Protein backbone atom coordinates (compact mmCIF):
# COMPACT_ATOMS: atom_id res chain seq x y z
CA MET A 1 0.00 0.00 0.00
CA ARG A 2 1.28 3.46 -0.89
CA GLY A 3 0.51 6.43 1.36
CA PHE A 4 0.66 10.17 0.69
CA TYR A 5 1.56 12.93 3.16
CA ILE A 6 1.89 16.59 2.17
CA GLY A 7 3.48 19.45 4.04
CA ARG A 8 5.28 22.69 3.33
CA PHE A 9 8.20 21.46 5.47
CA GLN A 10 9.48 25.00 6.10
CA PRO A 11 11.55 23.41 7.61
CA TYR A 12 11.02 19.66 8.01
CA HIS A 13 10.97 19.21 11.81
CA ASP A 14 10.67 16.52 14.47
CA GLY A 15 6.84 16.72 14.44
CA HIS A 16 6.82 15.92 10.72
CA HIS A 17 9.40 13.20 11.26
CA ARG A 18 7.40 11.55 14.03
CA MET A 19 4.29 11.51 11.83
CA VAL A 20 6.26 10.16 8.85
CA THR A 21 7.73 7.43 11.07
CA GLU A 22 4.24 6.38 12.19
CA ILE A 23 2.91 6.42 8.62
CA ALA A 24 5.92 4.37 7.46
CA ALA A 25 4.86 1.59 9.84
CA GLU A 26 1.50 1.34 8.02
CA VAL A 27 2.54 1.52 4.36
CA ASP A 28 4.95 -0.16 1.95
CA GLU A 29 5.76 3.07 0.11
CA LEU A 30 5.31 6.72 1.04
CA VAL A 31 4.95 9.77 -1.17
CA LEU A 32 5.97 12.97 0.59
CA GLY A 33 4.41 15.95 -1.15
CA ILE A 34 6.51 19.10 -0.87
CA GLY A 35 3.70 21.65 -0.79
CA SER A 36 3.91 25.26 -1.99
CA ALA A 37 6.82 24.12 -4.16
CA GLY A 38 6.92 27.38 -6.11
CA ASP A 39 7.36 29.52 -3.00
CA SER A 40 10.73 30.43 -1.49
CA HIS A 41 12.78 33.31 -0.11
CA THR A 42 9.98 34.73 2.04
CA PRO A 43 9.69 34.69 5.84
CA ARG A 44 6.83 32.14 5.61
CA ASN A 45 8.52 30.02 2.92
CA PRO A 46 12.27 30.63 3.18
CA PHE A 47 13.47 27.37 1.61
CA THR A 48 13.20 26.27 -2.02
CA ALA A 49 11.45 23.06 -3.05
CA GLY A 50 14.82 21.51 -3.87
CA GLU A 51 16.19 22.38 -0.43
CA ARG A 52 13.12 20.86 1.21
CA VAL A 53 13.48 17.74 -0.95
CA MET A 54 17.03 17.44 0.45
CA MET A 55 15.79 17.91 4.04
CA VAL A 56 13.07 15.30 3.68
CA THR A 57 15.05 12.77 1.64
CA LYS A 58 18.02 12.80 4.00
CA SER A 59 15.76 12.64 7.07
CA VAL A 60 13.84 9.56 5.91
CA ALA A 61 16.81 7.66 4.46
CA ASP A 62 16.99 5.30 7.46
CA LEU A 63 13.27 4.44 7.47
CA ASP A 64 12.37 0.96 6.27
CA VAL A 65 10.02 2.18 3.55
CA THR A 66 10.50 3.37 -0.02
CA THR A 67 9.85 7.10 -0.16
CA TYR A 68 9.34 9.57 -2.97
CA ALA A 69 9.66 13.32 -2.39
CA VAL A 70 7.48 15.11 -4.93
CA PRO A 71 7.31 18.91 -5.26
CA ILE A 72 3.72 20.13 -5.63
CA GLU A 73 3.05 23.73 -6.58
CA ASP A 74 0.10 25.58 -5.15
CA LEU A 75 -3.12 25.68 -7.08
CA ASP A 76 -5.55 28.40 -6.07
CA ARG A 77 -8.62 26.33 -6.96
CA ASN A 78 -9.48 23.99 -4.12
CA SER A 79 -12.15 22.17 -6.13
CA VAL A 80 -9.50 20.66 -8.43
CA TRP A 81 -6.59 20.50 -5.95
CA VAL A 82 -6.77 16.72 -5.40
CA SER A 83 -6.63 15.98 -9.13
CA HIS A 84 -3.68 18.40 -9.37
CA VAL A 85 -1.89 16.52 -6.55
CA GLU A 86 -2.68 13.19 -8.19
CA SER A 87 -1.27 14.44 -11.50
CA MET A 88 2.04 15.37 -9.82
CA SER A 89 2.42 12.27 -7.66
CA PRO A 90 2.78 8.51 -8.01
CA ALA A 91 -0.61 6.87 -7.43
CA PHE A 92 -1.45 6.37 -3.74
CA ASP A 93 -4.04 4.43 -1.77
CA VAL A 94 -4.43 6.57 1.34
CA ALA A 95 -3.67 10.16 2.30
CA TYR A 96 -2.51 11.27 5.73
CA SER A 97 -3.29 14.73 7.04
CA ASN A 98 -4.45 16.67 10.07
CA ASN A 99 -5.30 19.75 8.02
CA PRO A 100 -9.11 20.18 7.94
CA LEU A 101 -9.18 21.56 4.38
CA VAL A 102 -6.90 18.82 3.04
CA ILE A 103 -9.03 16.18 4.78
CA GLN A 104 -12.19 17.69 3.27
CA LEU A 105 -10.76 17.88 -0.25
CA PHE A 106 -9.41 14.33 -0.26
CA SER A 107 -12.64 13.00 1.29
CA GLU A 108 -14.78 14.73 -1.35
CA ALA A 109 -12.57 13.15 -4.03
CA GLY A 110 -13.16 9.69 -2.56
CA VAL A 111 -9.64 9.26 -1.17
CA GLU A 112 -9.31 7.54 2.20
CA VAL A 113 -7.80 9.94 4.73
CA ARG A 114 -6.16 8.94 7.98
CA GLN A 115 -5.25 11.30 10.77
CA SER A 116 -2.42 11.00 13.23
CA PRO A 117 -1.89 12.68 16.59
CA MET A 118 0.16 15.87 16.49
CA PHE A 119 3.35 15.92 18.52
CA ASN A 120 4.35 18.80 20.78
CA ARG A 121 2.50 21.13 18.40
CA ASP A 122 3.06 24.25 20.53
CA VAL A 123 6.80 24.04 19.76
CA LEU A 124 6.96 21.76 16.72
CA GLU A 125 5.36 24.20 14.33
CA GLY A 126 7.06 25.78 11.34
CA ALA A 127 6.29 29.39 12.32
CA GLU A 128 7.83 28.81 15.76
CA LEU A 129 10.98 27.31 14.26
CA ARG A 130 11.33 30.09 11.69
CA GLU A 131 10.91 32.71 14.44
CA ARG A 132 13.64 31.01 16.47
CA MET A 133 15.91 31.05 13.40
CA ILE A 134 15.29 34.77 12.88
CA GLU A 135 15.91 35.61 16.54
CA GLY A 136 18.92 33.33 16.98
CA GLY A 137 17.07 30.95 19.33
CA ASP A 138 17.31 27.18 19.62
CA TRP A 139 15.81 25.50 16.58
CA ARG A 140 18.44 22.80 16.05
CA SER A 141 17.07 20.58 18.83
CA LEU A 142 13.67 20.52 17.08
CA VAL A 143 14.73 19.15 13.69
CA PRO A 144 16.56 16.01 12.54
CA THR A 145 20.35 16.41 12.40
CA THR A 146 20.21 16.02 8.62
CA VAL A 147 17.99 19.12 8.41
CA VAL A 148 20.49 21.12 10.46
CA ASP A 149 23.16 20.03 7.96
CA VAL A 150 21.08 21.13 4.96
CA ILE A 151 20.19 24.51 6.49
CA GLU A 152 23.83 25.15 7.35
CA GLU A 153 24.97 24.06 3.87
CA ILE A 154 22.65 26.60 2.19
CA ASP A 155 23.27 29.39 4.74
CA GLY A 156 19.57 29.20 5.55
CA ILE A 157 19.79 31.16 8.80
CA GLU A 158 21.45 34.10 7.10
CA ARG A 159 18.78 33.94 4.38
CA ILE A 160 15.78 33.90 6.70
CA GLN A 161 17.25 36.66 8.87
CA ARG A 162 17.95 38.83 5.82
CA ILE A 163 14.55 38.32 4.16
CA SER A 164 12.78 38.93 7.47
CA ASP A 165 14.58 42.22 8.04
CA THR A 166 13.03 45.60 7.32
CA ASP A 167 14.56 48.50 5.45
CA ALA A 168 15.08 52.02 6.79
CA ASN A 169 11.40 52.85 6.12
CA GLY A 170 10.21 49.85 8.13
CA ASP A 171 9.10 47.96 5.05
CA ALA A 172 9.66 44.20 4.99
CA ALA A 173 12.08 42.84 2.43
CA ASP A 174 10.23 42.56 -0.89
CA PRO A 175 11.70 42.74 -4.40
CA GLU A 176 8.82 44.81 -5.77
């Protein structure tokens, strides 16, 4: 059986990894959808799809399940989102999510959806980790070691701090 789990993974953290580990115990193969694949270099989405593929792929390398990391760009039409995901992904039998909209969309499309408990959600949340990166706080203890390595390799902390900074007028960094 092949499962599907989508996330923005900005960055991939221990909460994601715990959920992926639990899913891996239920399936033979796992497709990891890298959501918002076209977004990068913003405070909310600082990492590119390719960088997130590296984070995820390296983090799941030791799991006893075949995994596929698949970038999936946003589609601003929820009514056709599932078919868009299916067109970008290997076929799957079951989707895993705790996101109410994702659950609704997959359910309406006739895809079985399974939920999993969230882990330490007050800390293991992308916005919290990104804020810690910006402020120089501890984020390393909340992600797999392989993710630390990727973020250091790409100078990700410098990037997120720079793009989160404001100019002399108080405007956030924006190329336009």
